[in-house]
N, C-alpha and C. Protein backbone atom coordinates (compact mmCIF):
# COMPACT_ATOMS: atom_id res chain seq x y z
N UNK A 1 1.11 -1.17 0.05
CA UNK A 1 0.16 0.11 0.03
C UNK A 1 0.84 1.24 0.07
N UNK A 2 0.49 2.12 -0.84
CA UNK A 2 1.39 3.54 -0.70
C UNK A 2 0.59 4.32 -0.19
N UNK A 3 1.10 5.64 0.22
CA UNK A 3 0.51 6.89 0.81
C UNK A 3 0.71 7.79 -0.04
N UNK A 4 -0.44 8.72 -0.24
CA UNK A 4 -0.53 9.70 -1.12
C UNK A 4 0.54 10.85 -0.62
N UNK A 5 1.39 11.64 -1.28
CA UNK A 5 2.24 12.70 -0.70
C UNK A 5 1.84 14.12 -1.38
N UNK A 6 1.62 14.99 -0.60
CA UNK A 6 1.50 16.24 -1.25
C UNK A 6 2.83 16.89 -1.19
N UNK A 7 3.30 17.33 -2.46
CA UNK A 7 4.66 17.87 -2.59
C UNK A 7 4.52 19.70 -2.60
N UNK A 8 5.81 19.94 -2.67
CA UNK A 8 5.86 21.42 -2.86
C UNK A 8 6.24 21.85 -4.16
N UNK A 9 5.67 22.87 -4.67
CA UNK A 9 6.08 23.73 -6.03
C UNK A 9 7.29 24.51 -5.83
N UNK A 10 8.36 24.23 -6.54
CA UNK A 10 9.63 25.29 -6.53
C UNK A 10 9.65 25.96 -8.23
N UNK A 11 9.89 27.19 -8.18
CA UNK A 11 10.16 27.84 -9.42
C UNK A 11 11.72 28.01 -9.58
N UNK A 12 12.35 27.71 -10.36
CA UNK A 12 14.00 27.46 -11.17
C UNK A 12 14.01 29.09 -11.31
N UNK A 13 14.89 29.45 -10.78
CA UNK A 13 15.28 31.08 -10.79
C UNK A 13 17.04 30.89 -10.93
N UNK A 14 17.28 31.38 -12.55
CA UNK A 14 18.85 31.66 -13.07
C UNK A 14 19.27 32.82 -12.86
N UNK A 15 20.60 33.15 -12.45
CA UNK A 15 21.19 34.10 -12.29
C UNK A 15 22.60 33.78 -12.92
N UNK A 16 23.13 35.03 -13.21
CA UNK A 16 24.60 34.96 -13.35
C UNK A 16 25.62 34.53 -12.48
N UNK A 17 25.26 34.53 -11.38
CA UNK A 17 26.10 34.48 -10.27
C UNK A 17 27.23 35.61 -10.04
N UNK A 18 28.47 35.27 -9.40
CA UNK A 18 29.32 36.22 -9.03
C UNK A 18 30.05 36.42 -10.58
N UNK A 19 30.23 35.51 -11.27
CA UNK A 19 31.13 35.17 -12.48
C UNK A 19 30.18 34.85 -13.82
N UNK A 20 30.48 35.47 -14.69
CA UNK A 20 29.72 34.90 -16.09
C UNK A 20 29.72 33.61 -16.31
N UNK A 21 30.84 33.39 -15.92
CA UNK A 21 31.24 31.50 -16.33
C UNK A 21 30.68 30.62 -15.32
N UNK A 22 30.17 31.07 -14.25
CA UNK A 22 29.59 30.45 -13.26
C UNK A 22 27.93 30.56 -12.87
N UNK A 23 27.17 30.35 -13.93
CA UNK A 23 25.92 30.64 -13.48
C UNK A 23 25.21 29.70 -12.29
N UNK A 24 24.40 30.41 -11.69
CA UNK A 24 23.94 30.05 -10.37
C UNK A 24 22.14 29.78 -10.68
N UNK A 25 22.06 28.42 -10.57
CA UNK A 25 20.63 27.94 -10.50
C UNK A 25 20.00 28.01 -9.19
N UNK A 26 18.97 28.62 -8.64
CA UNK A 26 18.24 28.57 -7.31
C UNK A 26 17.04 28.37 -7.60
N UNK A 27 16.21 27.34 -6.39
CA UNK A 27 14.68 27.28 -6.58
C UNK A 27 14.19 27.71 -5.65
N UNK A 28 12.82 28.68 -6.19
CA UNK A 28 12.16 29.50 -5.02
C UNK A 28 10.71 28.56 -4.69
N UNK A 29 10.89 28.36 -3.29
CA UNK A 29 9.36 27.45 -2.69
C UNK A 29 8.05 28.38 -2.92
N UNK A 30 7.33 28.03 -3.60
CA UNK A 30 5.81 28.77 -3.53
C UNK A 30 5.10 28.63 -2.62
N UNK A 31 5.40 27.94 -1.44
CA UNK A 31 4.50 27.86 -0.43
C UNK A 31 5.39 29.00 0.83
N UNK A 32 6.61 29.04 0.94
CA UNK A 32 7.13 30.19 1.80
C UNK A 32 7.66 31.07 1.31
N UNK A 33 8.22 30.80 0.12
CA UNK A 33 8.87 32.13 -0.80
C UNK A 33 10.51 32.18 -0.59
N UNK A 34 10.99 31.41 0.28
CA UNK A 34 12.56 31.27 0.43
C UNK A 34 13.14 30.52 -0.81
N UNK A 35 14.19 30.98 -0.87
CA UNK A 35 15.10 30.69 -2.20
C UNK A 35 16.27 29.30 -1.49
N UNK A 36 16.53 28.47 -2.33
CA UNK A 36 17.35 27.43 -2.08
C UNK A 36 18.29 27.25 -3.14
N UNK A 37 19.36 26.56 -3.13
CA UNK A 37 19.81 25.84 -4.11
C UNK A 37 19.48 24.35 -4.26
N UNK A 38 20.18 23.70 -5.32
CA UNK A 38 19.58 22.29 -5.56
C UNK A 38 19.37 21.49 -4.43
N UNK A 39 20.60 21.34 -3.62
CA UNK A 39 20.73 20.18 -2.68
C UNK A 39 19.55 20.65 -1.47
N UNK A 40 19.72 22.07 -1.10
CA UNK A 40 18.88 22.63 0.14
C UNK A 40 17.19 22.52 -0.55
N UNK A 41 17.07 22.60 -1.60
CA UNK A 41 15.67 22.37 -2.00
C UNK A 41 15.22 21.23 -1.65
N UNK A 42 16.09 20.23 -2.11
CA UNK A 42 15.68 18.54 -2.11
C UNK A 42 15.22 18.50 -0.53
N UNK A 43 16.13 18.92 0.48
CA UNK A 43 15.74 18.94 1.80
C UNK A 43 14.64 19.40 2.54
N UNK A 44 14.29 20.88 1.63
CA UNK A 44 13.45 21.50 2.09
C UNK A 44 11.81 20.98 1.68
N UNK A 45 12.13 20.16 0.37
CA UNK A 45 10.81 19.48 -0.07
C UNK A 45 10.00 18.69 1.16
N UNK A 46 10.85 18.03 2.08
CA UNK A 46 10.09 17.24 3.29
C UNK A 46 9.89 17.92 4.50
N UNK A 47 10.16 19.27 4.58
CA UNK A 47 9.90 19.73 5.88
C UNK A 47 8.85 20.94 5.60
N UNK A 48 7.77 20.85 6.76
CA UNK A 48 6.79 21.49 6.45
C UNK A 48 7.12 23.21 6.43
N UNK A 49 6.56 24.12 5.90
CA UNK A 49 7.00 25.52 5.95
C UNK A 49 5.87 26.31 5.97
N UNK A 50 5.63 27.53 6.69
CA UNK A 50 4.38 28.08 6.72
C UNK A 50 4.33 28.80 5.57
N UNK A 51 2.96 29.37 5.30
CA UNK A 51 3.01 30.14 3.87
C UNK A 51 3.32 31.55 4.22
N UNK A 52 3.78 31.85 2.99
CA UNK A 52 4.21 33.30 3.46
C UNK A 52 3.18 34.15 2.94
N UNK A 53 3.12 35.55 3.83
CA UNK A 53 2.05 36.36 3.37
C UNK A 53 2.34 36.99 2.10
N UNK A 54 3.48 36.97 1.48
CA UNK A 54 3.49 37.48 0.13
C UNK A 54 3.15 36.62 -1.11
N UNK A 55 3.30 35.20 -0.78
CA UNK A 55 2.82 34.25 -1.51
C UNK A 55 1.34 34.12 -1.98
N UNK A 56 1.02 33.93 -3.20
CA UNK A 56 -0.49 33.80 -3.30
C UNK A 56 -0.80 32.51 -3.35
N UNK A 57 -1.58 31.68 -2.56
CA UNK A 57 -2.37 30.68 -2.04
C UNK A 57 -2.05 29.59 -3.32
N UNK A 58 -1.84 28.43 -3.32
CA UNK A 58 -1.86 27.74 -4.63
C UNK A 58 -3.40 26.59 -4.24
N UNK A 59 -4.14 26.65 -4.81
CA UNK A 59 -5.44 25.81 -4.75
C UNK A 59 -5.90 25.16 -6.13
N UNK A 60 -6.51 24.45 -6.01
CA UNK A 60 -7.42 23.27 -6.85
C UNK A 60 -6.13 22.32 -7.08
N UNK A 61 -6.75 21.51 -8.04
CA UNK A 61 -5.76 20.30 -8.77
C UNK A 61 -5.50 20.65 -10.08
N UNK A 62 -4.32 20.30 -10.22
CA UNK A 62 -3.62 20.46 -11.55
C UNK A 62 -3.09 19.24 -12.20
């Protein structure tokens, strides 16, 4: 038997980083609005986070 798991939505944000040859890829959590690198976002996926007052509520099924 498997259990359903509600996931989090992350938006990928790219920047040039400190150097033009070192692009930085970040992920923004659509629940709390915090920004993480790839490893941190993977860890944050499993941690409950409070919704940000600045983030729109994500409702409905997609």
